[in-house]
Amino acid sequence: MRLVLRYAKPLAQPLTWLALALYVGAAVYIVFFARRRQDLVWSPRLVNLVPLVNTFRSYQDMAYIGGWNYWSNVFGNVALFIPLPPLLAGATGLQSRRWLLGIGVVASVCIECTQYVLEIGVPDIDDVLLNSLGVLVGIALWVLLFRRIYRLLAY
């Protein structure tokens, strides 16, 4: 076991940077280029700045939009941002939970603003809230689990 860890230690941070880069690339693809985006006709009326209105409306219209579409939107927005804090903390050494949360929220707001400017997707404050929930879950996972594993591999 010691032999494996001795060789894994110098690789931990570069591999974390690689994982972070792959994650960012996958997230950009999912948010901006995924096939489901091609069917959407953008309109300024799609922009939602009132929290939770579209989420509750979509829940009420689940028979029309489909349960899969609703739940994949809700859980997908949360799941998309769960990996960000552990990867960011592991790659950069940033340990402040406030900074990790702030970076996640700013990243989510930037995504929604880019969707608005490029007229891709649906800019929605609910997505920022759900993404922020994903960041909080990611921070909890980092603090409770991944930080110990990363320290074992990195130091």
N, C-alpha and C. Protein backbone atom coordinates (compact mmCIF):
# COMPACT_ATOMS: atom_id res chain seq x y z
N MET A 1 0.82 -1.20 0.00
CA MET A 1 0.00 0.00 0.00
C MET A 1 0.87 1.27 0.00
N ARG A 2 1.93 1.28 0.77
CA ARG A 2 2.81 2.46 0.83
C ARG A 2 3.47 2.73 -0.51
N LEU A 3 3.80 1.67 -1.23
CA LEU A 3 4.42 1.85 -2.54
C LEU A 3 3.48 2.58 -3.49
N VAL A 4 2.21 2.20 -3.49
CA VAL A 4 1.22 2.84 -4.35
C VAL A 4 1.02 4.29 -3.95
N LEU A 5 0.89 4.57 -2.66
CA LEU A 5 0.67 5.94 -2.20
C LEU A 5 1.86 6.83 -2.49
N ARG A 6 3.09 6.29 -2.40
CA ARG A 6 4.27 7.10 -2.66
C ARG A 6 4.25 7.63 -4.09
N TYR A 7 3.80 6.81 -5.05
CA TYR A 7 3.75 7.25 -6.43
C TYR A 7 2.48 8.06 -6.73
N ALA A 8 1.44 7.88 -5.96
CA ALA A 8 0.19 8.61 -6.19
C ALA A 8 0.27 10.04 -5.68
N LYS A 9 1.08 10.29 -4.66
CA LYS A 9 1.13 11.61 -4.05
C LYS A 9 1.49 12.72 -5.04
N PRO A 10 2.56 12.59 -5.84
CA PRO A 10 2.88 13.69 -6.75
C PRO A 10 1.85 13.86 -7.86
N LEU A 11 1.05 12.85 -8.10
CA LEU A 11 0.07 12.92 -9.18
C LEU A 11 -1.28 13.49 -8.74
N ALA A 12 -1.53 13.59 -7.45
CA ALA A 12 -2.86 13.97 -6.96
C ALA A 12 -3.29 15.33 -7.49
N GLN A 13 -2.46 16.36 -7.34
CA GLN A 13 -2.88 17.69 -7.75
C GLN A 13 -2.99 17.82 -9.27
N PRO A 14 -2.03 17.35 -10.07
CA PRO A 14 -2.21 17.45 -11.53
C PRO A 14 -3.44 16.68 -12.03
N LEU A 15 -3.71 15.54 -11.43
CA LEU A 15 -4.89 14.78 -11.83
C LEU A 15 -6.18 15.51 -11.43
N THR A 16 -6.14 16.21 -10.31
CA THR A 16 -7.30 16.99 -9.89
C THR A 16 -7.52 18.16 -10.85
N TRP A 17 -6.43 18.80 -11.30
CA TRP A 17 -6.56 19.87 -12.30
C TRP A 17 -7.14 19.32 -13.59
N LEU A 18 -6.70 18.14 -14.01
CA LEU A 18 -7.24 17.52 -15.21
C LEU A 18 -8.73 17.21 -15.04
N ALA A 19 -9.09 16.66 -13.89
CA ALA A 19 -10.50 16.37 -13.61
C ALA A 19 -11.33 17.65 -13.62
N LEU A 20 -10.79 18.74 -13.05
CA LEU A 20 -11.50 20.02 -13.05
C LEU A 20 -11.70 20.53 -14.47
N ALA A 21 -10.68 20.42 -15.30
CA ALA A 21 -10.80 20.86 -16.70
C ALA A 21 -11.83 20.02 -17.46
N LEU A 22 -11.82 18.72 -17.24
CA LEU A 22 -12.82 17.84 -17.89
C LEU A 22 -14.23 18.16 -17.40
N TYR A 23 -14.36 18.42 -16.12
CA TYR A 23 -15.66 18.79 -15.56
C TYR A 23 -16.18 20.08 -16.17
N VAL A 24 -15.33 21.11 -16.24
CA VAL A 24 -15.74 22.39 -16.82
C VAL A 24 -16.15 22.20 -18.28
N GLY A 25 -15.38 21.43 -19.03
CA GLY A 25 -15.72 21.16 -20.43
C GLY A 25 -17.05 20.44 -20.57
N ALA A 26 -17.28 19.44 -19.73
CA ALA A 26 -18.55 18.71 -19.77
C ALA A 26 -19.72 19.62 -19.37
N ALA A 27 -19.51 20.45 -18.36
CA ALA A 27 -20.57 21.37 -17.91
C ALA A 27 -20.92 22.38 -19.01
N VAL A 28 -19.91 22.92 -19.67
CA VAL A 28 -20.16 23.87 -20.77
C VAL A 28 -20.92 23.18 -21.89
N TYR A 29 -20.55 21.94 -22.20
CA TYR A 29 -21.27 21.22 -23.25
C TYR A 29 -22.73 20.99 -22.85
N ILE A 30 -22.95 20.53 -21.63
CA ILE A 30 -24.31 20.24 -21.17
C ILE A 30 -25.17 21.50 -21.18
N VAL A 31 -24.62 22.60 -20.69
CA VAL A 31 -25.40 23.82 -20.55
C VAL A 31 -25.66 24.50 -21.89
N PHE A 32 -24.68 24.51 -22.79
CA PHE A 32 -24.81 25.30 -24.01
C PHE A 32 -25.01 24.50 -25.30
N PHE A 33 -24.52 23.28 -25.37
CA PHE A 33 -24.51 22.58 -26.65
C PHE A 33 -25.28 21.27 -26.68
N ALA A 34 -25.87 20.85 -25.60
CA ALA A 34 -26.58 19.58 -25.57
C ALA A 34 -27.73 19.58 -26.58
N ARG A 35 -28.06 18.43 -27.05
CA ARG A 35 -29.07 18.27 -28.10
C ARG A 35 -30.42 18.90 -27.74
N ARG A 36 -30.78 18.85 -26.47
CA ARG A 36 -32.08 19.40 -26.07
C ARG A 36 -32.16 20.90 -26.29
N ARG A 37 -31.02 21.57 -26.37
CA ARG A 37 -31.00 23.02 -26.59
C ARG A 37 -31.40 23.38 -28.01
N GLN A 38 -31.25 22.46 -28.95
CA GLN A 38 -31.53 22.74 -30.35
C GLN A 38 -33.02 22.91 -30.63
N ASP A 39 -33.86 22.28 -29.82
CA ASP A 39 -35.30 22.33 -30.04
C ASP A 39 -35.96 23.56 -29.43
N LEU A 40 -35.24 24.31 -28.64
CA LEU A 40 -35.80 25.45 -27.93
C LEU A 40 -35.73 26.71 -28.78
N VAL A 41 -36.86 27.38 -28.91
CA VAL A 41 -36.91 28.66 -29.61
C VAL A 41 -36.84 29.75 -28.55
N TRP A 42 -35.75 30.54 -28.58
CA TRP A 42 -35.51 31.51 -27.52
C TRP A 42 -36.42 32.70 -27.67
N SER A 43 -36.87 33.22 -26.53
CA SER A 43 -37.70 34.41 -26.48
C SER A 43 -37.41 35.14 -25.17
N PRO A 44 -37.46 36.47 -25.17
CA PRO A 44 -37.25 37.20 -23.91
C PRO A 44 -38.28 36.84 -22.85
N ARG A 45 -39.42 36.33 -23.27
CA ARG A 45 -40.45 35.93 -22.30
C ARG A 45 -40.04 34.71 -21.48
N LEU A 46 -39.02 33.98 -21.94
CA LEU A 46 -38.55 32.81 -21.21
C LEU A 46 -37.74 33.18 -19.97
N VAL A 47 -37.23 34.39 -19.92
CA VAL A 47 -36.39 34.83 -18.80
C VAL A 47 -37.25 34.90 -17.54
N ASN A 48 -36.76 34.29 -16.45
CA ASN A 48 -37.48 34.30 -15.20
C ASN A 48 -36.58 34.83 -14.10
N LEU A 49 -36.97 35.94 -13.49
CA LEU A 49 -36.22 36.53 -12.40
C LEU A 49 -36.95 36.43 -11.06
N VAL A 50 -38.09 35.75 -11.04
CA VAL A 50 -38.86 35.57 -9.81
C VAL A 50 -38.58 34.15 -9.29
N PRO A 51 -37.97 34.04 -8.11
CA PRO A 51 -37.56 32.73 -7.61
C PRO A 51 -38.71 31.74 -7.45
N LEU A 52 -38.47 30.53 -7.89
CA LEU A 52 -39.31 29.34 -7.72
C LEU A 52 -40.62 29.35 -8.50
N VAL A 53 -40.93 30.41 -9.22
CA VAL A 53 -42.19 30.47 -9.98
C VAL A 53 -42.20 29.39 -11.06
N ASN A 54 -41.16 29.34 -11.88
CA ASN A 54 -41.13 28.35 -12.97
C ASN A 54 -41.05 26.93 -12.44
N THR A 55 -40.36 26.72 -11.34
CA THR A 55 -40.24 25.37 -10.78
C THR A 55 -41.60 24.87 -10.31
N PHE A 56 -42.35 25.71 -9.60
CA PHE A 56 -43.68 25.30 -9.15
C PHE A 56 -44.66 25.17 -10.33
N ARG A 57 -44.56 26.08 -11.29
CA ARG A 57 -45.42 26.01 -12.46
C ARG A 57 -45.14 24.72 -13.25
N SER A 58 -43.88 24.40 -13.40
CA SER A 58 -43.52 23.18 -14.12
C SER A 58 -44.00 21.95 -13.37
N TYR A 59 -43.96 21.99 -12.04
CA TYR A 59 -44.47 20.86 -11.25
C TYR A 59 -45.96 20.67 -11.49
N GLN A 60 -46.71 21.78 -11.54
CA GLN A 60 -48.14 21.70 -11.79
C GLN A 60 -48.43 21.20 -13.21
N ASP A 61 -47.54 21.52 -14.16
CA ASP A 61 -47.73 21.12 -15.55
C ASP A 61 -46.97 19.84 -15.89
N MET A 62 -46.63 19.04 -14.89
CA MET A 62 -45.82 17.86 -15.11
C MET A 62 -46.48 16.87 -16.07
N ALA A 63 -47.80 16.81 -16.07
CA ALA A 63 -48.49 15.91 -17.00
C ALA A 63 -48.24 16.34 -18.45
N TYR A 64 -48.10 17.63 -18.66
CA TYR A 64 -47.87 18.16 -20.01
C TYR A 64 -46.40 18.06 -20.42
N ILE A 65 -45.50 18.49 -19.53
CA ILE A 65 -44.08 18.51 -19.88
C ILE A 65 -43.41 17.17 -19.65
N GLY A 66 -43.99 16.32 -18.84
CA GLY A 66 -43.42 15.01 -18.55
C GLY A 66 -42.63 15.01 -17.26
N GLY A 67 -42.79 13.96 -16.50
CA GLY A 67 -42.09 13.84 -15.22
C GLY A 67 -40.58 13.80 -15.40
N TRP A 68 -40.12 13.11 -16.45
CA TRP A 68 -38.67 13.02 -16.68
C TRP A 68 -38.08 14.40 -16.92
N ASN A 69 -38.73 15.22 -17.72
CA ASN A 69 -38.22 16.56 -18.00
C ASN A 69 -38.16 17.41 -16.74
N TYR A 70 -39.19 17.32 -15.92
CA TYR A 70 -39.22 18.12 -14.70
C TYR A 70 -38.11 17.69 -13.74
N TRP A 71 -38.08 16.40 -13.41
CA TRP A 71 -37.12 15.92 -12.41
C TRP A 71 -35.68 15.99 -12.92
N SER A 72 -35.47 15.78 -14.21
CA SER A 72 -34.11 15.89 -14.73
C SER A 72 -33.64 17.35 -14.70
N ASN A 73 -34.55 18.29 -14.84
CA ASN A 73 -34.19 19.70 -14.72
C ASN A 73 -33.82 20.03 -13.27
N VAL A 74 -34.65 19.61 -12.33
CA VAL A 74 -34.40 19.92 -10.92
C VAL A 74 -33.12 19.24 -10.44
N PHE A 75 -33.06 17.92 -10.58
CA PHE A 75 -31.89 17.19 -10.06
C PHE A 75 -30.66 17.43 -10.93
N GLY A 76 -30.86 17.67 -12.21
CA GLY A 76 -29.73 17.95 -13.09
C GLY A 76 -29.03 19.25 -12.73
N ASN A 77 -29.81 20.27 -12.39
CA ASN A 77 -29.22 21.55 -11.98
C ASN A 77 -28.47 21.42 -10.66
N VAL A 78 -28.97 20.59 -9.77
CA VAL A 78 -28.26 20.36 -8.51
C VAL A 78 -27.01 19.53 -8.77
N ALA A 79 -27.16 18.42 -9.47
CA ALA A 79 -26.05 17.49 -9.70
C ALA A 79 -24.92 18.12 -10.52
N LEU A 80 -25.26 19.02 -11.41
CA LEU A 80 -24.24 19.64 -12.26
C LEU A 80 -23.18 20.37 -11.45
N PHE A 81 -23.55 20.93 -10.30
CA PHE A 81 -22.62 21.74 -9.53
C PHE A 81 -22.05 21.03 -8.30
N ILE A 82 -22.43 19.80 -8.04
CA ILE A 82 -21.87 19.07 -6.90
C ILE A 82 -20.37 18.85 -7.04
N PRO A 83 -19.84 18.50 -8.22
CA PRO A 83 -18.40 18.26 -8.32
C PRO A 83 -17.53 19.51 -8.21
N LEU A 84 -18.09 20.69 -8.42
CA LEU A 84 -17.28 21.90 -8.46
C LEU A 84 -16.47 22.16 -7.19
N PRO A 85 -17.08 22.19 -5.99
CA PRO A 85 -16.27 22.50 -4.79
C PRO A 85 -15.16 21.48 -4.51
N PRO A 86 -15.44 20.16 -4.56
CA PRO A 86 -14.32 19.24 -4.29
C PRO A 86 -13.19 19.36 -5.31
N LEU A 87 -13.52 19.52 -6.58
CA LEU A 87 -12.48 19.64 -7.59
C LEU A 87 -11.72 20.95 -7.45
N LEU A 88 -12.43 22.03 -7.21
CA LEU A 88 -11.80 23.33 -7.05
C LEU A 88 -10.91 23.36 -5.81
N ALA A 89 -11.41 22.83 -4.71
CA ALA A 89 -10.63 22.80 -3.47
C ALA A 89 -9.41 21.89 -3.61
N GLY A 90 -9.59 20.76 -4.25
CA GLY A 90 -8.47 19.85 -4.42
C GLY A 90 -7.41 20.39 -5.36
N ALA A 91 -7.82 21.06 -6.41
CA ALA A 91 -6.86 21.57 -7.40
C ALA A 91 -6.14 22.81 -6.91
N THR A 92 -6.84 23.71 -6.24
CA THR A 92 -6.25 25.00 -5.87
C THR A 92 -5.81 25.08 -4.41
N GLY A 93 -6.31 24.18 -3.58
CA GLY A 93 -6.01 24.26 -2.15
C GLY A 93 -6.93 25.21 -1.40
N LEU A 94 -7.90 25.79 -2.08
CA LEU A 94 -8.85 26.71 -1.46
C LEU A 94 -9.71 25.94 -0.46
N GLN A 95 -9.72 26.37 0.79
CA GLN A 95 -10.45 25.67 1.84
C GLN A 95 -11.65 26.44 2.38
N SER A 96 -11.76 27.71 2.05
CA SER A 96 -12.83 28.54 2.59
C SER A 96 -14.17 28.13 1.97
N ARG A 97 -15.08 27.73 2.83
CA ARG A 97 -16.41 27.33 2.35
C ARG A 97 -17.14 28.51 1.72
N ARG A 98 -16.96 29.68 2.27
CA ARG A 98 -17.61 30.88 1.72
C ARG A 98 -17.11 31.17 0.32
N TRP A 99 -15.78 31.06 0.11
CA TRP A 99 -15.23 31.29 -1.22
C TRP A 99 -15.70 30.23 -2.21
N LEU A 100 -15.75 28.98 -1.78
CA LEU A 100 -16.22 27.91 -2.66
C LEU A 100 -17.68 28.15 -3.05
N LEU A 101 -18.50 28.53 -2.07
CA LEU A 101 -19.90 28.84 -2.37
C LEU A 101 -20.00 30.05 -3.28
N GLY A 102 -19.23 31.09 -2.99
CA GLY A 102 -19.26 32.30 -3.83
C GLY A 102 -18.85 32.02 -5.26
N ILE A 103 -17.80 31.24 -5.44
CA ILE A 103 -17.36 30.90 -6.80
C ILE A 103 -18.44 30.11 -7.52
N GLY A 104 -19.08 29.18 -6.83
CA GLY A 104 -20.15 28.40 -7.45
C GLY A 104 -21.34 29.26 -7.85
N VAL A 105 -21.74 30.17 -6.98
CA VAL A 105 -22.87 31.05 -7.29
C VAL A 105 -22.52 31.99 -8.44
N VAL A 106 -21.32 32.55 -8.42
CA VAL A 106 -20.90 33.44 -9.52
C VAL A 106 -20.84 32.67 -10.84
N ALA A 107 -20.35 31.44 -10.81
CA ALA A 107 -20.31 30.62 -12.02
C ALA A 107 -21.72 30.38 -12.56
N SER A 108 -22.65 30.10 -11.67
CA SER A 108 -24.03 29.87 -12.08
C SER A 108 -24.66 31.13 -12.68
N VAL A 109 -24.43 32.28 -12.03
CA VAL A 109 -24.96 33.55 -12.55
C VAL A 109 -24.34 33.85 -13.92
N CYS A 110 -23.05 33.58 -14.07
CA CYS A 110 -22.40 33.80 -15.37
C CYS A 110 -23.00 32.91 -16.46
N ILE A 111 -23.33 31.68 -16.11
CA ILE A 111 -23.98 30.79 -17.08
C ILE A 111 -25.32 31.35 -17.51
N GLU A 112 -26.11 31.80 -16.56
CA GLU A 112 -27.43 32.33 -16.89
C GLU A 112 -27.33 33.62 -17.70
N CYS A 113 -26.37 34.48 -17.37
CA CYS A 113 -26.17 35.71 -18.15
C CYS A 113 -25.70 35.39 -19.57
N THR A 114 -24.83 34.41 -19.70
CA THR A 114 -24.38 33.99 -21.03
C THR A 114 -25.53 33.42 -21.84
N GLN A 115 -26.39 32.64 -21.20
CA GLN A 115 -27.57 32.13 -21.89
C GLN A 115 -28.44 33.28 -22.40
N TYR A 116 -28.56 34.32 -21.61
CA TYR A 116 -29.37 35.47 -22.02
C TYR A 116 -28.71 36.21 -23.19
N VAL A 117 -27.43 36.48 -23.07
CA VAL A 117 -26.73 37.25 -24.10
C VAL A 117 -26.68 36.48 -25.42
N LEU A 118 -26.39 35.18 -25.35
CA LEU A 118 -26.29 34.37 -26.56
C LEU A 118 -27.63 33.81 -27.03
N GLU A 119 -28.67 34.06 -26.24
CA GLU A 119 -30.01 33.56 -26.55
C GLU A 119 -30.01 32.04 -26.72
N ILE A 120 -29.40 31.38 -25.75
CA ILE A 120 -29.34 29.92 -25.70
C ILE A 120 -29.95 29.48 -24.38
N GLY A 121 -30.83 28.51 -24.41
CA GLY A 121 -31.39 28.00 -23.17
C GLY A 121 -32.41 28.95 -22.56
N VAL A 122 -32.68 28.72 -21.29
CA VAL A 122 -33.67 29.51 -20.56
C VAL A 122 -33.01 30.14 -19.35
N PRO A 123 -32.73 31.45 -19.38
CA PRO A 123 -32.17 32.10 -18.19
C PRO A 123 -33.21 32.13 -17.07
N ASP A 124 -32.88 31.51 -15.94
CA ASP A 124 -33.86 31.33 -14.88
C ASP A 124 -33.17 31.43 -13.52
N ILE A 125 -33.72 32.23 -12.64
CA ILE A 125 -33.17 32.37 -11.29
C ILE A 125 -33.27 31.06 -10.53
N ASP A 126 -34.24 30.23 -10.87
CA ASP A 126 -34.38 28.93 -10.23
C ASP A 126 -33.14 28.07 -10.48
N ASP A 127 -32.57 28.18 -11.67
CA ASP A 127 -31.35 27.43 -11.98
C ASP A 127 -30.21 27.87 -11.06
N VAL A 128 -30.11 29.17 -10.79
CA VAL A 128 -29.07 29.66 -9.89
C VAL A 128 -29.29 29.09 -8.49
N LEU A 129 -30.54 29.06 -8.03
CA LEU A 129 -30.83 28.51 -6.70
C LEU A 129 -30.51 27.03 -6.63
N LEU A 130 -30.90 26.27 -7.66
CA LEU A 130 -30.64 24.83 -7.67
C LEU A 130 -29.14 24.55 -7.81
N ASN A 131 -28.46 25.32 -8.65
CA ASN A 131 -27.00 25.17 -8.78
C ASN A 131 -26.32 25.46 -7.44
N SER A 132 -26.80 26.49 -6.74
CA SER A 132 -26.23 26.84 -5.43
C SER A 132 -26.45 25.72 -4.42
N LEU A 133 -27.60 25.07 -4.50
CA LEU A 133 -27.85 23.90 -3.64
C LEU A 133 -26.84 22.80 -3.96
N GLY A 134 -26.56 22.60 -5.25
CA GLY A 134 -25.55 21.63 -5.65
C GLY A 134 -24.17 21.98 -5.11
N VAL A 135 -23.83 23.26 -5.11
CA VAL A 135 -22.54 23.70 -4.56
C VAL A 135 -22.50 23.39 -3.06
N LEU A 136 -23.59 23.65 -2.35
CA LEU A 136 -23.63 23.35 -0.91
C LEU A 136 -23.45 21.86 -0.64
N VAL A 137 -24.09 21.01 -1.45
CA VAL A 137 -23.92 19.56 -1.30
C VAL A 137 -22.46 19.19 -1.59
N GLY A 138 -21.88 19.80 -2.63
CA GLY A 138 -20.48 19.54 -2.95
C GLY A 138 -19.54 19.96 -1.84
N ILE A 139 -19.81 21.09 -1.21
CA ILE A 139 -18.99 21.54 -0.07
C ILE A 139 -19.11 20.55 1.08
N ALA A 140 -20.33 20.10 1.36
CA ALA A 140 -20.53 19.12 2.43
C ALA A 140 -19.77 17.83 2.14
N LEU A 141 -19.83 17.37 0.90
CA LEU A 141 -19.08 16.16 0.54
C LEU A 141 -17.58 16.37 0.68
N TRP A 142 -17.10 17.56 0.28
CA TRP A 142 -15.68 17.86 0.41
C TRP A 142 -15.26 17.83 1.88
N VAL A 143 -16.03 18.49 2.73
CA VAL A 143 -15.68 18.58 4.15
C VAL A 143 -15.77 17.22 4.83
N LEU A 144 -16.81 16.45 4.53
CA LEU A 144 -17.04 15.20 5.24
C LEU A 144 -16.28 14.01 4.68
N LEU A 145 -15.93 14.04 3.39
CA LEU A 145 -15.38 12.83 2.79
C LEU A 145 -14.13 13.07 1.96
N PHE A 146 -14.26 13.86 0.92
CA PHE A 146 -13.19 13.95 -0.06
C PHE A 146 -11.93 14.62 0.46
N ARG A 147 -12.03 15.55 1.38
CA ARG A 147 -10.85 16.25 1.89
C ARG A 147 -9.91 15.26 2.56
N ARG A 148 -10.46 14.32 3.31
CA ARG A 148 -9.63 13.32 3.99
C ARG A 148 -8.93 12.41 2.97
N ILE A 149 -9.67 12.01 1.96
CA ILE A 149 -9.09 11.15 0.93
C ILE A 149 -8.01 11.90 0.17
N TYR A 150 -8.28 13.15 -0.20
CA TYR A 150 -7.30 13.93 -0.95
C TYR A 150 -6.04 14.17 -0.13
N ARG A 151 -6.19 14.46 1.15
CA ARG A 151 -5.02 14.66 2.00
C ARG A 151 -4.17 13.40 2.09
N LEU A 152 -4.82 12.25 2.14
CA LEU A 152 -4.11 10.98 2.20
C LEU A 152 -3.29 10.79 0.92
N LEU A 153 -3.86 11.14 -0.22
CA LEU A 153 -3.17 10.97 -1.49
C LEU A 153 -2.13 12.06 -1.75
N ALA A 154 -2.42 13.28 -1.32
CA ALA A 154 -1.57 14.41 -1.69
C ALA A 154 -0.40 14.64 -0.73
N TYR A 155 -0.52 14.21 0.52
CA TYR A 155 0.54 14.57 1.47
C TYR A 155 1.21 13.33 2.03
